[in-house]
Amino acid sequence: MINETTSILNYIGPTIYGFTQVVLLVFCFIFLIKSKNTTASILLLIGTLISLIANIAQPIILSLNSTSVENIILISSIVSIIKSIAYSIFIFGLCLLILDYLKKLDK
């Protein structure tokens, strides 16, 4: 049986994660405005935005379509793939940014 402490713990992790994603989104947006490397900054912003949208959408979609265990597994799997793609976009943008930075160090 789930007690009150377990219910509170179930909200702490996603709340902290959601907060950090919003902060990251804000800083990616600021970086896009201030950066000369627009390709990398756009990729960072897109990856963060897709990840944030997927994290917000998952519980909403699950609450609307959680009629069976199969639906829950299917929805969770699809959202997991979307998040993985979003993280890959972010990482690619970060790699471009690091490579650009390393080129500037060599000059």
PDB file of N, CA and C in Angstrom:
ATOM      1  N   MET A   1       0.837  -1.178   0.000  1.00  0.00           N
ATOM      2  CA  MET A   1       0.000   0.000   0.000  1.00  0.00           C
ATOM      3  C   MET A   1       0.888   1.249   0.000  1.00  0.00           C
ATOM      4  N   ILE A   2       0.497   2.236  -0.783  1.00  0.00           N
ATOM      5  CA  ILE A   2       1.273   3.467  -0.891  1.00  0.00           C
ATOM      6  C   ILE A   2       0.901   4.384   0.265  1.00  0.00           C
ATOM      7  N   ASN A   3       1.926   4.817   0.977  1.00  0.00           N
ATOM      8  CA  ASN A   3       1.662   5.744   2.071  1.00  0.00           C
ATOM      9  C   ASN A   3       1.939   7.174   1.615  1.00  0.00           C
ATOM     10  N   GLU A   4       1.745   8.122   2.510  1.00  0.00           N
ATOM     11  CA  GLU A   4       1.886   9.533   2.176  1.00  0.00           C
ATOM     12  C   GLU A   4       3.317   9.899   1.794  1.00  0.00           C
ATOM     13  N   THR A   5       4.298   9.302   2.452  1.00  0.00           N
ATOM     14  CA  THR A   5       5.703   9.586   2.154  1.00  0.00           C
ATOM     15  C   THR A   5       6.053   9.152   0.744  1.00  0.00           C
ATOM     16  N   THR A   6       5.590   7.995   0.342  1.00  0.00           N
ATOM     17  CA  THR A   6       5.855   7.501  -1.009  1.00  0.00           C
ATOM     18  C   THR A   6       5.215   8.420  -2.041  1.00  0.00           C
ATOM     19  N   SER A   7       4.015   8.888  -1.776  1.00  0.00           N
ATOM     20  CA  SER A   7       3.345   9.798  -2.705  1.00  0.00           C
ATOM     21  C   SER A   7       4.112  11.098  -2.850  1.00  0.00           C
ATOM     22  N   ILE A   8       4.630  11.629  -1.756  1.00  0.00           N
ATOM     23  CA  ILE A   8       5.415  12.858  -1.807  1.00  0.00           C
ATOM     24  C   ILE A   8       6.706  12.631  -2.583  1.00  0.00           C
ATOM     25  N   LEU A   9       7.354  11.496  -2.341  1.00  0.00           N
ATOM     26  CA  LEU A   9       8.599  11.184  -3.050  1.00  0.00           C
ATOM     27  C   LEU A   9       8.374  11.057  -4.557  1.00  0.00           C
ATOM     28  N   ASN A  10       7.201  10.579  -4.955  1.00  0.00           N
ATOM     29  CA  ASN A  10       6.889  10.447  -6.376  1.00  0.00           C
ATOM     30  C   ASN A  10       6.780  11.800  -7.070  1.00  0.00           C
ATOM     31  N   TYR A  11       6.573  12.868  -6.315  1.00  0.00           N
ATOM     32  CA  TYR A  11       6.467  14.201  -6.898  1.00  0.00           C
ATOM     33  C   TYR A  11       7.764  14.990  -6.815  1.00  0.00           C
ATOM     34  N   ILE A  12       8.647  14.653  -5.881  1.00  0.00           N
ATOM     35  CA  ILE A  12       9.881  15.425  -5.693  1.00  0.00           C
ATOM     36  C   ILE A  12      10.807  15.299  -6.900  1.00  0.00           C
ATOM     37  N   GLY A  13      11.077  14.086  -7.345  1.00  0.00           N
ATOM     38  CA  GLY A  13      11.987  13.870  -8.482  1.00  0.00           C
ATOM     39  C   GLY A  13      11.529  14.573  -9.747  1.00  0.00           C
ATOM     40  N   PRO A  14      10.299  14.329 -10.194  1.00  0.00           N
ATOM     41  CA  PRO A  14       9.841  15.013 -11.414  1.00  0.00           C
ATOM     42  C   PRO A  14       9.800  16.533 -11.279  1.00  0.00           C
ATOM     43  N   THR A  15       9.515  17.027 -10.080  1.00  0.00           N
ATOM     44  CA  THR A  15       9.486  18.478  -9.875  1.00  0.00           C
ATOM     45  C   THR A  15      10.887  19.074 -10.035  1.00  0.00           C
ATOM     46  N   ILE A  16      11.869  18.440  -9.412  1.00  0.00           N
ATOM     47  CA  ILE A  16      13.253  18.917  -9.542  1.00  0.00           C
ATOM     48  C   ILE A  16      13.712  18.810 -10.997  1.00  0.00           C
ATOM     49  N   TYR A  17      13.407  17.696 -11.638  1.00  0.00           N
ATOM     50  CA  TYR A  17      13.802  17.484 -13.031  1.00  0.00           C
ATOM     51  C   TYR A  17      13.135  18.517 -13.940  1.00  0.00           C
ATOM     52  N   GLY A  18      11.854  18.763 -13.731  1.00  0.00           N
ATOM     53  CA  GLY A  18      11.141  19.759 -14.531  1.00  0.00           C
ATOM     54  C   GLY A  18      11.708  21.153 -14.343  1.00  0.00           C
ATOM     55  N   PHE A  19      12.039  21.500 -13.103  1.00  0.00           N
ATOM     56  CA  PHE A  19      12.629  22.806 -12.815  1.00  0.00           C
ATOM     57  C   PHE A  19      13.967  22.963 -13.536  1.00  0.00           C
ATOM     58  N   THR A  20      14.804  21.929 -13.471  1.00  0.00           N
ATOM     59  CA  THR A  20      16.109  22.021 -14.126  1.00  0.00           C
ATOM     60  C   THR A  20      15.966  22.115 -15.644  1.00  0.00           C
ATOM     61  N   GLN A  21      14.953  21.456 -16.192  1.00  0.00           N
ATOM     62  CA  GLN A  21      14.740  21.552 -17.641  1.00  0.00           C
ATOM     63  C   GLN A  21      14.295  22.953 -18.038  1.00  0.00           C
ATOM     64  N   VAL A  22      13.457  23.579 -17.224  1.00  0.00           N
ATOM     65  CA  VAL A  22      13.022  24.943 -17.524  1.00  0.00           C
ATOM     66  C   VAL A  22      14.214  25.898 -17.436  1.00  0.00           C
ATOM     67  N   VAL A  23      15.048  25.732 -16.416  1.00  0.00           N
ATOM     68  CA  VAL A  23      16.246  26.568 -16.285  1.00  0.00           C
ATOM     69  C   VAL A  23      17.162  26.364 -17.497  1.00  0.00           C
ATOM     70  N   LEU A  24      17.367  25.121 -17.890  1.00  0.00           N
ATOM     71  CA  LEU A  24      18.199  24.835 -19.057  1.00  0.00           C
ATOM     72  C   LEU A  24      17.611  25.463 -20.317  1.00  0.00           C
ATOM     73  N   LEU A  25      16.294  25.403 -20.470  1.00  0.00           N
ATOM     74  CA  LEU A  25      15.631  26.006 -21.624  1.00  0.00           C
ATOM     75  C   LEU A  25      15.861  27.515 -21.652  1.00  0.00           C
ATOM     76  N   VAL A  26      15.740  28.161 -20.502  1.00  0.00           N
ATOM     77  CA  VAL A  26      15.964  29.606 -20.423  1.00  0.00           C
ATOM     78  C   VAL A  26      17.396  29.947 -20.827  1.00  0.00           C
ATOM     79  N   PHE A  27      18.368  29.185 -20.291  1.00  0.00           N
ATOM     80  CA  PHE A  27      19.762  29.468 -20.625  1.00  0.00           C
ATOM     81  C   PHE A  27      20.079  29.149 -22.081  1.00  0.00           C
ATOM     82  N   CYS A  28      19.458  28.134 -22.647  1.00  0.00           N
ATOM     83  CA  CYS A  28      19.650  27.846 -24.073  1.00  0.00           C
ATOM     84  C   CYS A  28      19.094  28.977 -24.931  1.00  0.00           C
ATOM     85  N   PHE A  29      17.953  29.528 -24.515  1.00  0.00           N
ATOM     86  CA  PHE A  29      17.358  30.644 -25.244  1.00  0.00           C
ATOM     87  C   PHE A  29      18.255  31.885 -25.152  1.00  0.00           C
ATOM     88  N   ILE A  30      18.775  32.167 -23.955  1.00  0.00           N
ATOM     89  CA  ILE A  30      19.703  33.291 -23.784  1.00  0.00           C
ATOM     90  C   ILE A  30      20.952  33.071 -24.637  1.00  0.00           C
ATOM     91  N   PHE A  31      21.454  31.839 -24.635  1.00  0.00           N
ATOM     92  CA  PHE A  31      22.643  31.523 -25.429  1.00  0.00           C
ATOM     93  C   PHE A  31      22.369  31.716 -26.916  1.00  0.00           C
ATOM     94  N   LEU A  32      21.177  31.346 -27.374  1.00  0.00           N
ATOM     95  CA  LEU A  32      20.809  31.531 -28.783  1.00  0.00           C
ATOM     96  C   LEU A  32      20.817  33.011 -29.142  1.00  0.00           C
ATOM     97  N   ILE A  33      20.314  33.842 -28.263  1.00  0.00           N
ATOM     98  CA  ILE A  33      20.261  35.276 -28.527  1.00  0.00           C
ATOM     99  C   ILE A  33      21.670  35.878 -28.552  1.00  0.00           C
ATOM    100  N   LYS A  34      22.528  35.458 -27.627  1.00  0.00           N
ATOM    101  CA  LYS A  34      23.847  36.071 -27.472  1.00  0.00           C
ATOM    102  C   LYS A  34      24.948  35.398 -28.303  1.00  0.00           C
ATOM    103  N   SER A  35      24.691  34.221 -28.822  1.00  0.00           N
ATOM    104  CA  SER A  35      25.746  33.419 -29.453  1.00  0.00           C
ATOM    105  C   SER A  35      25.957  33.780 -30.908  1.00  0.00           C
ATOM    106  N   LYS A  36      27.201  33.590 -31.326  1.00  0.00           N
ATOM    107  CA  LYS A  36      27.530  33.718 -32.741  1.00  0.00           C
ATOM    108  C   LYS A  36      27.409  32.361 -33.435  1.00  0.00           C
ATOM    109  N   ASN A  37      27.460  31.293 -32.663  1.00  0.00           N
ATOM    110  CA  ASN A  37      27.353  29.940 -33.207  1.00  0.00           C
ATOM    111  C   ASN A  37      25.877  29.525 -33.175  1.00  0.00           C
ATOM    112  N   THR A  38      25.130  29.958 -34.182  1.00  0.00           N
ATOM    113  CA  THR A  38      23.684  29.747 -34.146  1.00  0.00           C
ATOM    114  C   THR A  38      23.285  28.292 -34.367  1.00  0.00           C
ATOM    115  N   THR A  39      24.034  27.539 -35.154  1.00  0.00           N
ATOM    116  CA  THR A  39      23.674  26.143 -35.388  1.00  0.00           C
ATOM    117  C   THR A  39      23.695  25.361 -34.081  1.00  0.00           C
ATOM    118  N   ALA A  40      24.768  25.490 -33.340  1.00  0.00           N
ATOM    119  CA  ALA A  40      24.885  24.772 -32.070  1.00  0.00           C
ATOM    120  C   ALA A  40      23.815  25.242 -31.090  1.00  0.00           C
ATOM    121  N   SER A  41      23.597  26.542 -30.999  1.00  0.00           N
ATOM    122  CA  SER A  41      22.627  27.056 -30.032  1.00  0.00           C
ATOM    123  C   SER A  41      21.200  26.669 -30.399  1.00  0.00           C
ATOM    124  N   ILE A  42      20.910  26.617 -31.686  1.00  0.00           N
ATOM    125  CA  ILE A  42      19.576  26.179 -32.118  1.00  0.00           C
ATOM    126  C   ILE A  42      19.365  24.707 -31.765  1.00  0.00           C
ATOM    127  N   LEU A  43      20.379  23.887 -31.999  1.00  0.00           N
ATOM    128  CA  LEU A  43      20.265  22.459 -31.661  1.00  0.00           C
ATOM    129  C   LEU A  43      20.101  22.261 -30.150  1.00  0.00           C
ATOM    130  N   LEU A  44      20.843  23.027 -29.354  1.00  0.00           N
ATOM    131  CA  LEU A  44      20.697  22.944 -27.895  1.00  0.00           C
ATOM    132  C   LEU A  44      19.270  23.304 -27.479  1.00  0.00           C
ATOM    133  N   LEU A  45      18.747  24.381 -28.049  1.00  0.00           N
ATOM    134  CA  LEU A  45      17.397  24.830 -27.706  1.00  0.00           C
ATOM    135  C   LEU A  45      16.343  23.827 -28.159  1.00  0.00           C
ATOM    136  N   ILE A  46      16.475  23.300 -29.372  1.00  0.00           N
ATOM    137  CA  ILE A  46      15.501  22.335 -29.890  1.00  0.00           C
ATOM    138  C   ILE A  46      15.499  21.063 -29.051  1.00  0.00           C
ATOM    139  N   GLY A  47      16.679  20.543 -28.750  1.00  0.00           N
ATOM    140  CA  GLY A  47      16.763  19.331 -27.938  1.00  0.00           C
ATOM    141  C   GLY A  47      16.133  19.515 -26.565  1.00  0.00           C
ATOM    142  N   THR A  48      16.419  20.648 -25.930  1.00  0.00           N
ATOM    143  CA  THR A  48      15.849  20.922 -24.613  1.00  0.00           C
ATOM    144  C   THR A  48      14.339  21.093 -24.693  1.00  0.00           C
ATOM    145  N   LEU A  49      13.867  21.799 -25.695  1.00  0.00           N
ATOM    146  CA  LEU A  49      12.433  22.051 -25.850  1.00  0.00           C
ATOM    147  C   LEU A  49      11.657  20.753 -26.102  1.00  0.00           C
ATOM    148  N   ILE A  50      12.165  19.908 -26.982  1.00  0.00           N
ATOM    149  CA  ILE A  50      11.493  18.629 -27.258  1.00  0.00           C
ATOM    150  C   ILE A  50      11.444  17.766 -25.996  1.00  0.00           C
ATOM    151  N   SER A  51      12.539  17.727 -25.272  1.00  0.00           N
ATOM    152  CA  SER A  51      12.586  16.943 -24.034  1.00  0.00           C
ATOM    153  C   SER A  51      11.582  17.462 -23.004  1.00  0.00           C
ATOM    154  N   LEU A  52      11.514  18.774 -22.867  1.00  0.00           N
ATOM    155  CA  LEU A  52      10.572  19.371 -21.911  1.00  0.00           C
ATOM    156  C   LEU A  52       9.129  19.076 -22.311  1.00  0.00           C
ATOM    157  N   ILE A  53       8.819  19.219 -23.582  1.00  0.00           N
ATOM    158  CA  ILE A  53       7.462  18.929 -24.068  1.00  0.00           C
ATOM    159  C   ILE A  53       7.109  17.463 -23.836  1.00  0.00           C
ATOM    160  N   ALA A  54       8.046  16.569 -24.106  1.00  0.00           N
ATOM    161  CA  ALA A  54       7.796  15.137 -23.898  1.00  0.00           C
ATOM    162  C   ALA A  54       7.553  14.837 -22.422  1.00  0.00           C
ATOM    163  N   ASN A  55       8.317  15.476 -21.545  1.00  0.00           N
ATOM    164  CA  ASN A  55       8.136  15.241 -20.107  1.00  0.00           C
ATOM    165  C   ASN A  55       6.823  15.792 -19.591  1.00  0.00           C
ATOM    166  N   ILE A  56       6.351  16.876 -20.180  1.00  0.00           N
ATOM    167  CA  ILE A  56       5.048  17.422 -19.785  1.00  0.00           C
ATOM    168  C   ILE A  56       3.924  16.583 -20.375  1.00  0.00           C
ATOM    169  N   ALA A  57       4.099  16.143 -21.611  1.00  0.00           N
ATOM    170  CA  ALA A  57       3.039  15.405 -22.306  1.00  0.00           C
ATOM    171  C   ALA A  57       2.836  13.998 -21.771  1.00  0.00           C
ATOM    172  N   GLN A  58       3.910  13.346 -21.320  1.00  0.00           N
ATOM    173  CA  GLN A  58       3.799  11.942 -20.916  1.00  0.00           C
ATOM    174  C   GLN A  58       2.731  11.695 -19.846  1.00  0.00           C
ATOM    175  N   PRO A  59       2.747  12.401 -18.720  1.00  0.00           N
ATOM    176  CA  PRO A  59       1.701  12.109 -17.733  1.00  0.00           C
ATOM    177  C   PRO A  59       0.295  12.475 -18.209  1.00  0.00           C
ATOM    178  N   ILE A  60       0.202  13.496 -19.053  1.00  0.00           N
ATOM    179  CA  ILE A  60      -1.109  13.881 -19.586  1.00  0.00           C
ATOM    180  C   ILE A  60      -1.644  12.787 -20.500  1.00  0.00           C
ATOM    181  N   ILE A  61      -0.799  12.318 -21.412  1.00  0.00           N
ATOM    182  CA  ILE A  61      -1.213  11.254 -22.338  1.00  0.00           C
ATOM    183  C   ILE A  61      -1.527   9.974 -21.573  1.00  0.00           C
ATOM    184  N   LEU A  62      -0.703   9.659 -20.582  1.00  0.00           N
ATOM    185  CA  LEU A  62      -0.951   8.442 -19.799  1.00  0.00           C
ATOM    186  C   LEU A  62      -2.271   8.529 -19.034  1.00  0.00           C
ATOM    187  N   SER A  63      -2.589   9.688 -18.517  1.00  0.00           N
ATOM    188  CA  SER A  63      -3.847   9.810 -17.770  1.00  0.00           C
ATOM    189  C   SER A  63      -5.053   9.703 -18.692  1.00  0.00           C
ATOM    190  N   LEU A  64      -4.895  10.084 -19.949  1.00  0.00           N
ATOM    191  CA  LEU A  64      -5.995  10.002 -20.900  1.00  0.00           C
ATOM    192  C   LEU A  64      -6.124   8.633 -21.548  1.00  0.00           C
ATOM    193  N   ASN A  65      -5.005   7.904 -21.669  1.00  0.00           N
ATOM    194  CA  ASN A  65      -5.005   6.639 -22.407  1.00  0.00           C
ATOM    195  C   ASN A  65      -4.512   5.448 -21.600  1.00  0.00           C
ATOM    196  N   SER A  66      -4.621   5.490 -20.302  1.00  0.00           N
ATOM    197  CA  SER A  66      -4.097   4.385 -19.496  1.00  0.00           C
ATOM    198  C   SER A  66      -5.175   3.329 -19.241  1.00  0.00           C
ATOM    199  N   THR A  67      -5.800   2.887 -20.329  1.00  0.00           N
ATOM    200  CA  THR A  67      -6.865   1.895 -20.192  1.00  0.00           C
ATOM    201  C   THR A  67      -6.331   0.482 -20.010  1.00  0.00           C
ATOM    202  N   SER A  68      -5.104   0.257 -20.464  1.00  0.00           N
ATOM    203  CA  SER A  68      -4.524  -1.074 -20.321  1.00  0.00           C
ATOM    204  C   SER A  68      -3.019  -0.963 -20.102  1.00  0.00           C
ATOM    205  N   VAL A  69      -2.460  -2.032 -19.621  1.00  0.00           N
ATOM    206  CA  VAL A  69      -1.014  -2.077 -19.405  1.00  0.00           C
ATOM    207  C   VAL A  69      -0.280  -1.937 -20.728  1.00  0.00           C
ATOM    208  N   GLU A  70      -0.819  -2.514 -21.789  1.00  0.00           N
ATOM    209  CA  GLU A  70      -0.193  -2.426 -23.105  1.00  0.00           C
ATOM    210  C   GLU A  70      -0.113  -0.975 -23.573  1.00  0.00           C
ATOM    211  N   ASN A  71      -1.188  -0.205 -23.360  1.00  0.00           N
ATOM    212  CA  ASN A  71      -1.179   1.214 -23.736  1.00  0.00           C
ATOM    213  C   ASN A  71      -0.136   1.990 -22.949  1.00  0.00           C
ATOM    214  N   ILE A  72      -0.049   1.717 -21.662  1.00  0.00           N
ATOM    215  CA  ILE A  72       0.921   2.406 -20.814  1.00  0.00           C
ATOM    216  C   ILE A  72       2.343   2.114 -21.292  1.00  0.00           C
ATOM    217  N   ILE A  73       2.617   0.845 -21.593  1.00  0.00           N
ATOM    218  CA  ILE A  73       3.949   0.455 -22.068  1.00  0.00           C
ATOM    219  C   ILE A  73       4.240   1.095 -23.430  1.00  0.00           C
ATOM    220  N   LEU A  74       3.265   1.079 -24.327  1.00  0.00           N
ATOM    221  CA  LEU A  74       3.450   1.661 -25.659  1.00  0.00           C
ATOM    222  C   LEU A  74       3.714   3.159 -25.566  1.00  0.00           C
ATOM    223  N   ILE A  75       2.914   3.876 -24.797  1.00  0.00           N
ATOM    224  CA  ILE A  75       3.080   5.325 -24.642  1.00  0.00           C
ATOM    225  C   ILE A  75       4.427   5.639 -24.008  1.00  0.00           C
ATOM    226  N   SER A  76       4.777   4.911 -22.961  1.00  0.00           N
ATOM    227  CA  SER A  76       6.063   5.142 -22.298  1.00  0.00           C
ATOM    228  C   SER A  76       7.228   4.876 -23.235  1.00  0.00           C
ATOM    229  N   SER A  77       7.113   3.850 -24.063  1.00  0.00           N
ATOM    230  CA  SER A  77       8.178   3.528 -25.016  1.00  0.00           C
ATOM    231  C   SER A  77       8.328   4.611 -26.076  1.00  0.00           C
ATOM    232  N   ILE A  78       7.216   5.099 -26.596  1.00  0.00           N
ATOM    233  CA  ILE A  78       7.257   6.155 -27.619  1.00  0.00           C
ATOM    234  C   ILE A  78       7.863   7.434 -27.037  1.00  0.00           C
ATOM    235  N   VAL A  79       7.436   7.805 -25.838  1.00  0.00           N
ATOM    236  CA  VAL A  79       7.980   9.014 -25.200  1.00  0.00           C
ATOM    237  C   VAL A  79       9.465   8.838 -24.911  1.00  0.00           C
ATOM    238  N   SER A  80       9.869   7.641 -24.529  1.00  0.00           N
ATOM    239  CA  SER A  80      11.281   7.368 -24.280  1.00  0.00           C
ATOM    240  C   SER A  80      12.113   7.552 -25.548  1.00  0.00           C
ATOM    241  N   ILE A  81      11.593   7.099 -26.677  1.00  0.00           N
ATOM    242  CA  ILE A  81      12.287   7.275 -27.960  1.00  0.00           C
ATOM    243  C   ILE A  81      12.383   8.760 -28.310  1.00  0.00           C
ATOM    244  N   ILE A  82      11.294   9.488 -28.108  1.00  0.00           N
ATOM    245  CA  ILE A  82      11.293  10.931 -28.391  1.00  0.00           C
ATOM    246  C   ILE A  82      12.316  11.653 -27.517  1.00  0.00           C
ATOM    247  N   LYS A  83      12.372  11.291 -26.233  1.00  0.00           N
ATOM    248  CA  LYS A  83      13.351  11.911 -25.329  1.00  0.00           C
ATOM    249  C   LYS A  83      14.777  11.571 -25.756  1.00  0.00           C
ATOM    250  N   SER A  84      15.003  10.344 -26.187  1.00  0.00           N
ATOM    251  CA  SER A  84      16.338   9.945 -26.643  1.00  0.00           C
ATOM    252  C   SER A  84      16.756  10.747 -27.867  1.00  0.00           C
ATOM    253  N   ILE A  85      15.837  10.966 -28.782  1.00  0.00           N
ATOM    254  CA  ILE A  85      16.129  11.785 -29.963  1.00  0.00           C
ATOM    255  C   ILE A  85      16.431  13.221 -29.534  1.00  0.00           C
ATOM    256  N   ALA A  86      15.644  13.740 -28.588  1.00  0.00           N
ATOM    257  CA  ALA A  86      15.866  15.099 -28.092  1.00  0.00           C
ATOM    258  C   ALA A  86      17.238  15.232 -27.440  1.00  0.00           C
ATOM    259  N   TYR A  87      17.612  14.246 -26.632  1.00  0.00           N
ATOM    260  CA  TYR A  87      18.935  14.280 -25.995  1.00  0.00           C
ATOM    261  C   TYR A  87      20.041  14.185 -27.035  1.00  0.00           C
ATOM    262  N   SER A  88      19.820  13.401 -28.084  1.00  0.00           N
ATOM    263  CA  SER A  88      20.814  13.283 -29.153  1.00  0.00           C
ATOM    264  C   SER A  88      20.996  14.614 -29.879  1.00  0.00           C
ATOM    265  N   ILE A  89      19.903  15.316 -30.122  1.00  0.00           N
ATOM    266  CA  ILE A  89      19.981  16.641 -30.758  1.00  0.00           C
ATOM    267  C   ILE A  89      20.766  17.597 -29.867  1.00  0.00           C
ATOM    268  N   PHE A  90      20.455  17.581 -28.564  1.00  0.00           N
ATOM    269  CA  PHE A  90      21.162  18.439 -27.614  1.00  0.00           C
ATOM    270  C   PHE A  90      22.656  18.113 -27.598  1.00  0.00           C
ATOM    271  N   ILE A  91      22.981  16.829 -27.542  1.00  0.00           N
ATOM    272  CA  ILE A  91      24.390  16.409 -27.496  1.00  0.00           C
ATOM    273  C   ILE A  91      25.119  16.807 -28.775  1.00  0.00           C
ATOM    274  N   PHE A  92      24.465  16.681 -29.925  1.00  0.00           N
ATOM    275  CA  PHE A  92      25.083  17.083 -31.180  1.00  0.00           C
ATOM    276  C   PHE A  92      25.386  18.581 -31.172  1.00  0.00           C
ATOM    277  N   GLY A  93      24.435  19.380 -30.679  1.00  0.00           N
ATOM    278  CA  GLY A  93      24.664  20.819 -30.555  1.00  0.00           C
ATOM    279  C   GLY A  93      25.798  21.130 -29.605  1.00  0.00           C
ATOM    280  N   LEU A  94      25.868  20.403 -28.501  1.00  0.00           N
ATOM    281  CA  LEU A  94      26.948  20.597 -27.528  1.00  0.00           C
ATOM    282  C   LEU A  94      28.302  20.227 -28.140  1.00  0.00           C
ATOM    283  N   CYS A  95      28.336  19.147 -28.918  1.00  0.00           N
ATOM    284  CA  CYS A  95      29.584  18.756 -29.591  1.00  0.00           C
ATOM    285  C   CYS A  95      30.029  19.827 -30.577  1.00  0.00           C
ATOM    286  N   LEU A  96      29.091  20.380 -31.339  1.00  0.00           N
ATOM    287  CA  LEU A  96      29.440  21.464 -32.259  1.00  0.00           C
ATOM    288  C   LEU A  96      29.995  22.664 -31.509  1.00  0.00           C
ATOM    289  N   LEU A  97      29.393  22.972 -30.395  1.00  0.00           N
ATOM    290  CA  LEU A  97      29.843  24.094 -29.580  1.00  0.00           C
ATOM    291  C   LEU A  97      31.252  23.858 -29.038  1.00  0.00           C
ATOM    292  N   ILE A  98      31.508  22.661 -28.560  1.00  0.00           N
ATOM    293  CA  ILE A  98      32.835  22.325 -28.030  1.00  0.00           C
ATOM    294  C   ILE A  98      33.885  22.351 -29.147  1.00  0.00           C
ATOM    295  N   LEU A  99      33.546  21.798 -30.302  1.00  0.00           N
ATOM    296  CA  LEU A  99      34.492  21.824 -31.425  1.00  0.00           C
ATOM    297  C   LEU A  99      34.818  23.257 -31.844  1.00  0.00           C
ATOM    298  N   ASP A 100      33.802  24.117 -31.868  1.00  0.00           N
ATOM    299  CA  ASP A 100      34.012  25.520 -32.205  1.00  0.00           C
ATOM    300  C   ASP A 100      34.919  26.186 -31.166  1.00  0.00           C
ATOM    301  N   TYR A 101      34.688  25.877 -29.917  1.00  0.00           N
ATOM    302  CA  TYR A 101      35.513  26.428 -28.835  1.00  0.00           C
ATOM    303  C   TYR A 101      36.964  25.956 -28.943  1.00  0.00           C
ATOM    304  N   LEU A 102      37.139  24.680 -29.249  1.00  0.00           N
ATOM    305  CA  LEU A 102      38.499  24.146 -29.398  1.00  0.00           C
ATOM    306  C   LEU A 102      39.224  24.766 -30.588  1.00  0.00           C
ATOM    307  N   LYS A 103      38.511  25.054 -31.675  1.00  0.00           N
ATOM    308  CA  LYS A 103      39.115  25.721 -32.824  1.00  0.00           C
ATOM    309  C   LYS A 103      39.600  27.111 -32.442  1.00  0.00           C
ATOM    310  N   LYS A 104      38.822  27.793 -31.618  1.00  0.00           N
ATOM    311  CA  LYS A 104      39.222  29.142 -31.180  1.00  0.00           C
ATOM    312  C   LYS A 104      40.440  29.084 -30.271  1.00  0.00           C
ATOM    313  N   LEU A 105      40.577  28.014 -29.503  1.00  0.00           N
ATOM    314  CA  LEU A 105      41.747  27.872 -28.627  1.00  0.00           C
ATOM    315  C   LEU A 105      43.018  27.650 -29.435  1.00  0.00           C
ATOM    316  N   ASP A 106      42.901  26.961 -30.561  1.00  0.00           N
ATOM    317  CA  ASP A 106      44.067  26.663 -31.396  1.00  0.00           C
ATOM    318  C   ASP A 106      44.567  27.884 -32.156  1.00  0.00           C
ATOM    319  N   LYS A 107      43.741  28.879 -32.323  1.00  0.00           N
ATOM    320  CA  LYS A 107      44.148  30.073 -33.100  1.00  0.00           C
ATOM    321  C   LYS A 107      45.033  30.974 -32.301  1.00  0.00           C
TER     322      LYS A 107
END
